[in-house]
Amino acid sequence: MILYNKWHDFVIWPTHPDRISTADERLDTSCIDTDSHKKLQNGSAKLVTKSIIVDEDDDFEQMAVGEFGDITIWTRHKVWCVRRAHGTEKLMYLPRHPPCG
């Protein structure tokens, strides 16, 4: 597991979770279409940026990338992770308990 104190963009494959099997594949954002106006096709990778995870009233603390591409992200108010189940990949969070700060 690699711990990062600075944010790193990463990808999820909502309908193809088997596309990710290593930490390097999770952090490789080259599969994202550079034309932001082009609509992404169903089954394509989705870019996860800091602005998606961290609200204005929240702060990024740390992220962990596991050897098989698992992600855990801690913010002041939430703990985020990528969950794989039933042929899908989902970005989910739970509130931190007790809340920090």
N, C-alpha and C. Protein backbone atom coordinates (compact mmCIF):
# COMPACT_ATOMS: atom_id res chain seq x y z
N MET A 1 0.84 -1.18 0.00
CA MET A 1 0.00 0.00 0.00
C MET A 1 0.89 1.24 0.00
N ILE A 2 0.52 2.20 -0.83
CA ILE A 2 1.24 3.46 -0.91
C ILE A 2 0.35 4.55 -0.33
N LEU A 3 0.88 5.33 0.61
CA LEU A 3 0.14 6.45 1.20
C LEU A 3 0.63 7.75 0.58
N TYR A 4 -0.32 8.58 0.19
CA TYR A 4 -0.01 9.89 -0.41
C TYR A 4 -0.58 10.99 0.47
N ASN A 5 0.24 11.99 0.74
CA ASN A 5 -0.23 13.16 1.47
C ASN A 5 -0.68 14.26 0.52
N LYS A 6 -0.40 14.08 -0.78
CA LYS A 6 -0.85 15.01 -1.82
C LYS A 6 -1.81 14.26 -2.73
N TRP A 7 -2.75 14.99 -3.30
CA TRP A 7 -3.77 14.40 -4.15
C TRP A 7 -3.18 13.85 -5.45
N HIS A 8 -3.70 12.72 -5.91
CA HIS A 8 -3.38 12.14 -7.21
C HIS A 8 -4.70 11.79 -7.90
N ASP A 9 -4.91 12.31 -9.11
CA ASP A 9 -6.08 11.91 -9.89
C ASP A 9 -5.98 10.42 -10.18
N PHE A 10 -7.14 9.76 -10.33
CA PHE A 10 -7.16 8.34 -10.65
C PHE A 10 -8.39 8.03 -11.47
N VAL A 11 -8.48 6.80 -11.96
CA VAL A 11 -9.62 6.39 -12.79
C VAL A 11 -10.40 5.28 -12.12
N ILE A 12 -11.69 5.25 -12.44
CA ILE A 12 -12.53 4.10 -12.11
C ILE A 12 -13.17 3.63 -13.41
N TRP A 13 -13.50 2.37 -13.45
CA TRP A 13 -14.19 1.77 -14.60
C TRP A 13 -15.52 1.25 -14.07
N PRO A 14 -16.57 2.09 -14.05
CA PRO A 14 -17.84 1.70 -13.43
C PRO A 14 -18.43 0.38 -13.92
N THR A 15 -18.30 0.08 -15.20
CA THR A 15 -18.91 -1.15 -15.70
C THR A 15 -17.88 -2.22 -16.07
N HIS A 16 -16.60 -1.93 -15.83
CA HIS A 16 -15.54 -2.89 -16.13
C HIS A 16 -14.49 -2.89 -15.01
N PRO A 17 -14.85 -3.30 -13.80
CA PRO A 17 -13.90 -3.24 -12.69
C PRO A 17 -12.67 -4.12 -12.87
N ASP A 18 -12.76 -5.12 -13.73
CA ASP A 18 -11.63 -6.01 -13.95
C ASP A 18 -10.51 -5.36 -14.76
N ARG A 19 -10.74 -4.13 -15.26
CA ARG A 19 -9.70 -3.40 -16.00
C ARG A 19 -8.57 -2.94 -15.08
N ILE A 20 -8.83 -2.88 -13.77
CA ILE A 20 -7.83 -2.41 -12.81
C ILE A 20 -7.37 -3.59 -11.96
N SER A 21 -6.07 -3.87 -12.00
CA SER A 21 -5.55 -4.94 -11.15
C SER A 21 -4.26 -4.54 -10.42
N THR A 22 -3.80 -3.29 -10.67
CA THR A 22 -2.59 -2.80 -9.99
C THR A 22 -2.77 -1.33 -9.61
N ALA A 23 -1.93 -0.88 -8.70
CA ALA A 23 -1.94 0.53 -8.31
C ALA A 23 -1.58 1.43 -9.49
N ASP A 24 -0.62 1.01 -10.30
CA ASP A 24 -0.21 1.81 -11.46
C ASP A 24 -1.37 1.98 -12.44
N GLU A 25 -2.16 0.94 -12.66
CA GLU A 25 -3.32 1.05 -13.56
C GLU A 25 -4.36 2.02 -13.00
N ARG A 26 -4.54 2.02 -11.68
CA ARG A 26 -5.51 2.93 -11.06
C ARG A 26 -5.08 4.38 -11.23
N LEU A 27 -3.79 4.64 -11.16
CA LEU A 27 -3.29 6.02 -11.24
C LEU A 27 -2.99 6.47 -12.66
N ASP A 28 -3.08 5.58 -13.63
CA ASP A 28 -2.81 5.91 -15.03
C ASP A 28 -4.04 6.58 -15.65
N THR A 29 -3.97 7.88 -15.84
CA THR A 29 -5.10 8.63 -16.36
C THR A 29 -5.01 8.83 -17.87
N SER A 30 -4.06 8.19 -18.53
CA SER A 30 -3.89 8.37 -19.97
C SER A 30 -5.05 7.78 -20.78
N CYS A 31 -5.88 6.95 -20.16
CA CYS A 31 -7.02 6.35 -20.88
C CYS A 31 -8.21 7.31 -20.97
N ILE A 32 -8.10 8.47 -20.35
CA ILE A 32 -9.18 9.46 -20.39
C ILE A 32 -9.05 10.29 -21.65
N ASP A 33 -10.17 10.46 -22.36
CA ASP A 33 -10.19 11.27 -23.58
C ASP A 33 -9.87 12.71 -23.23
N THR A 34 -8.94 13.31 -23.94
CA THR A 34 -8.53 14.68 -23.65
C THR A 34 -9.54 15.72 -24.13
N ASP A 35 -10.48 15.32 -24.98
CA ASP A 35 -11.51 16.24 -25.45
C ASP A 35 -12.65 16.26 -24.44
N SER A 36 -12.65 17.26 -23.56
CA SER A 36 -13.63 17.30 -22.49
C SER A 36 -15.06 17.51 -22.99
N HIS A 37 -15.22 17.97 -24.24
CA HIS A 37 -16.56 18.17 -24.79
C HIS A 37 -17.14 16.89 -25.36
N LYS A 38 -16.29 15.92 -25.61
CA LYS A 38 -16.75 14.65 -26.16
C LYS A 38 -17.39 13.81 -25.06
N LYS A 39 -18.60 13.35 -25.28
CA LYS A 39 -19.30 12.56 -24.28
C LYS A 39 -18.62 11.19 -24.15
N LEU A 40 -18.35 10.78 -22.90
CA LEU A 40 -17.72 9.49 -22.67
C LEU A 40 -18.69 8.36 -22.96
N GLN A 41 -18.19 7.33 -23.59
CA GLN A 41 -19.01 6.19 -23.94
C GLN A 41 -19.27 5.33 -22.72
N ASN A 42 -20.40 4.61 -22.74
CA ASN A 42 -20.71 3.68 -21.67
C ASN A 42 -19.60 2.64 -21.60
N GLY A 43 -19.12 2.35 -20.41
CA GLY A 43 -18.06 1.37 -20.24
C GLY A 43 -16.68 1.96 -20.26
N SER A 44 -16.56 3.27 -20.41
CA SER A 44 -15.24 3.88 -20.44
C SER A 44 -14.80 4.28 -19.03
N ALA A 45 -13.54 4.63 -18.91
CA ALA A 45 -12.98 5.06 -17.63
C ALA A 45 -13.53 6.44 -17.27
N LYS A 46 -13.64 6.67 -15.98
CA LYS A 46 -14.06 7.98 -15.47
C LYS A 46 -12.92 8.53 -14.62
N LEU A 47 -12.59 9.78 -14.84
CA LEU A 47 -11.53 10.45 -14.09
C LEU A 47 -12.08 10.94 -12.76
N VAL A 48 -11.37 10.66 -11.68
CA VAL A 48 -11.76 11.15 -10.35
C VAL A 48 -10.72 12.19 -9.95
N THR A 49 -11.20 13.41 -9.78
CA THR A 49 -10.35 14.53 -9.40
C THR A 49 -10.64 14.96 -7.97
N LYS A 50 -9.77 15.78 -7.43
CA LYS A 50 -9.93 16.26 -6.06
C LYS A 50 -11.25 17.02 -5.89
N SER A 51 -11.67 17.75 -6.91
CA SER A 51 -12.90 18.54 -6.80
C SER A 51 -14.15 17.66 -6.66
N ILE A 52 -14.07 16.41 -7.11
CA ILE A 52 -15.20 15.48 -6.96
C ILE A 52 -15.28 14.99 -5.52
N ILE A 53 -14.16 14.82 -4.87
CA ILE A 53 -14.09 14.23 -3.53
C ILE A 53 -14.20 15.27 -2.42
N VAL A 54 -13.54 16.40 -2.59
CA VAL A 54 -13.42 17.37 -1.51
C VAL A 54 -14.33 18.57 -1.75
N ASP A 55 -15.32 18.72 -0.87
CA ASP A 55 -16.23 19.87 -0.92
C ASP A 55 -15.52 21.12 -0.41
N GLU A 56 -16.17 22.26 -0.61
CA GLU A 56 -15.59 23.53 -0.16
C GLU A 56 -15.35 23.56 1.34
N ASP A 57 -16.22 22.90 2.12
CA ASP A 57 -16.10 22.92 3.58
C ASP A 57 -15.32 21.72 4.13
N ASP A 58 -14.63 20.99 3.27
CA ASP A 58 -13.89 19.80 3.67
C ASP A 58 -12.42 19.98 3.27
N ASP A 59 -11.55 19.14 3.79
CA ASP A 59 -10.12 19.20 3.46
C ASP A 59 -9.60 17.80 3.20
N PHE A 60 -8.78 17.67 2.16
CA PHE A 60 -8.11 16.41 1.86
C PHE A 60 -7.05 16.15 2.93
N GLU A 61 -6.97 14.90 3.39
CA GLU A 61 -5.93 14.54 4.36
C GLU A 61 -4.92 13.56 3.79
N GLN A 62 -5.40 12.42 3.26
CA GLN A 62 -4.49 11.41 2.78
C GLN A 62 -5.22 10.43 1.88
N MET A 63 -4.48 9.78 0.99
CA MET A 63 -5.07 8.71 0.19
C MET A 63 -4.12 7.52 0.17
N ALA A 64 -4.73 6.33 0.16
CA ALA A 64 -3.96 5.09 0.11
C ALA A 64 -4.34 4.35 -1.17
N VAL A 65 -3.33 3.87 -1.87
CA VAL A 65 -3.55 3.08 -3.08
C VAL A 65 -2.95 1.71 -2.81
N GLY A 66 -3.82 0.70 -2.82
CA GLY A 66 -3.37 -0.66 -2.54
C GLY A 66 -2.71 -1.30 -3.73
N GLU A 67 -2.05 -2.40 -3.48
CA GLU A 67 -1.30 -3.12 -4.50
C GLU A 67 -2.17 -3.57 -5.68
N PHE A 68 -3.46 -3.82 -5.43
CA PHE A 68 -4.37 -4.27 -6.49
C PHE A 68 -5.28 -3.15 -6.99
N GLY A 69 -4.92 -1.89 -6.70
CA GLY A 69 -5.68 -0.75 -7.20
C GLY A 69 -6.80 -0.30 -6.29
N ASP A 70 -6.86 -0.83 -5.08
CA ASP A 70 -7.88 -0.37 -4.14
C ASP A 70 -7.52 1.04 -3.67
N ILE A 71 -8.55 1.85 -3.46
CA ILE A 71 -8.35 3.25 -3.06
C ILE A 71 -9.10 3.52 -1.76
N THR A 72 -8.43 4.22 -0.85
CA THR A 72 -9.09 4.77 0.34
C THR A 72 -8.61 6.21 0.45
N ILE A 73 -9.56 7.12 0.66
CA ILE A 73 -9.25 8.55 0.76
C ILE A 73 -9.87 9.09 2.04
N TRP A 74 -9.06 9.79 2.82
CA TRP A 74 -9.55 10.41 4.03
C TRP A 74 -9.62 11.92 3.82
N THR A 75 -10.78 12.48 4.11
CA THR A 75 -10.93 13.93 4.20
C THR A 75 -11.32 14.23 5.64
N ARG A 76 -11.43 15.48 5.97
CA ARG A 76 -11.77 15.84 7.34
C ARG A 76 -13.13 15.27 7.75
N HIS A 77 -14.08 15.19 6.81
CA HIS A 77 -15.44 14.77 7.14
C HIS A 77 -15.83 13.39 6.64
N LYS A 78 -15.08 12.82 5.69
CA LYS A 78 -15.50 11.57 5.06
C LYS A 78 -14.33 10.62 4.83
N VAL A 79 -14.67 9.34 4.67
CA VAL A 79 -13.72 8.34 4.22
C VAL A 79 -14.30 7.75 2.94
N TRP A 80 -13.58 7.88 1.84
CA TRP A 80 -14.00 7.42 0.51
C TRP A 80 -13.29 6.14 0.14
N CYS A 81 -13.94 5.33 -0.66
CA CYS A 81 -13.28 4.14 -1.20
C CYS A 81 -13.95 3.75 -2.52
N VAL A 82 -13.23 2.96 -3.29
CA VAL A 82 -13.78 2.39 -4.51
C VAL A 82 -14.16 0.96 -4.16
N ARG A 83 -15.44 0.64 -4.36
CA ARG A 83 -15.95 -0.70 -4.07
C ARG A 83 -16.24 -1.43 -5.36
N ARG A 84 -15.87 -2.68 -5.41
CA ARG A 84 -16.14 -3.53 -6.57
C ARG A 84 -17.10 -4.63 -6.15
N ALA A 85 -18.21 -4.75 -6.85
CA ALA A 85 -19.18 -5.81 -6.54
C ALA A 85 -20.11 -5.99 -7.73
N HIS A 86 -20.45 -7.22 -8.01
CA HIS A 86 -21.45 -7.56 -9.04
C HIS A 86 -21.14 -6.94 -10.39
N GLY A 87 -19.86 -6.93 -10.77
CA GLY A 87 -19.47 -6.43 -12.08
C GLY A 87 -19.48 -4.92 -12.23
N THR A 88 -19.48 -4.20 -11.10
CA THR A 88 -19.44 -2.74 -11.15
C THR A 88 -18.38 -2.22 -10.19
N GLU A 89 -18.00 -0.99 -10.41
CA GLU A 89 -17.09 -0.28 -9.53
C GLU A 89 -17.78 1.01 -9.12
N LYS A 90 -17.82 1.28 -7.83
CA LYS A 90 -18.51 2.47 -7.33
C LYS A 90 -17.60 3.24 -6.39
N LEU A 91 -17.68 4.55 -6.49
CA LEU A 91 -16.99 5.44 -5.58
C LEU A 91 -17.98 5.78 -4.47
N MET A 92 -17.64 5.43 -3.23
CA MET A 92 -18.56 5.60 -2.11
C MET A 92 -17.84 6.26 -0.93
N TYR A 93 -18.63 6.85 -0.03
CA TYR A 93 -18.03 7.39 1.18
C TYR A 93 -18.92 7.13 2.39
N LEU A 94 -18.30 7.17 3.54
CA LEU A 94 -18.99 7.13 4.82
C LEU A 94 -18.52 8.33 5.62
N PRO A 95 -19.41 8.90 6.42
CA PRO A 95 -18.96 10.01 7.27
C PRO A 95 -17.97 9.51 8.31
N ARG A 96 -17.01 10.34 8.65
CA ARG A 96 -16.05 9.96 9.68
C ARG A 96 -16.72 10.04 11.04
N HIS A 97 -16.40 9.07 11.87
CA HIS A 97 -16.99 9.07 13.20
C HIS A 97 -15.89 8.72 14.20
N PRO A 98 -15.62 9.53 15.16
CA PRO A 98 -16.18 10.87 15.31
C PRO A 98 -15.58 11.81 14.28
N PRO A 99 -16.32 12.86 13.93
CA PRO A 99 -15.79 13.80 12.94
C PRO A 99 -14.50 14.44 13.43
N CYS A 100 -13.60 14.72 12.51
CA CYS A 100 -12.35 15.40 12.86
C CYS A 100 -12.55 16.91 12.87
N GLY A 101 -11.91 17.54 13.77
CA GLY A 101 -11.86 18.99 13.84
C GLY A 101 -13.18 19.58 13.91
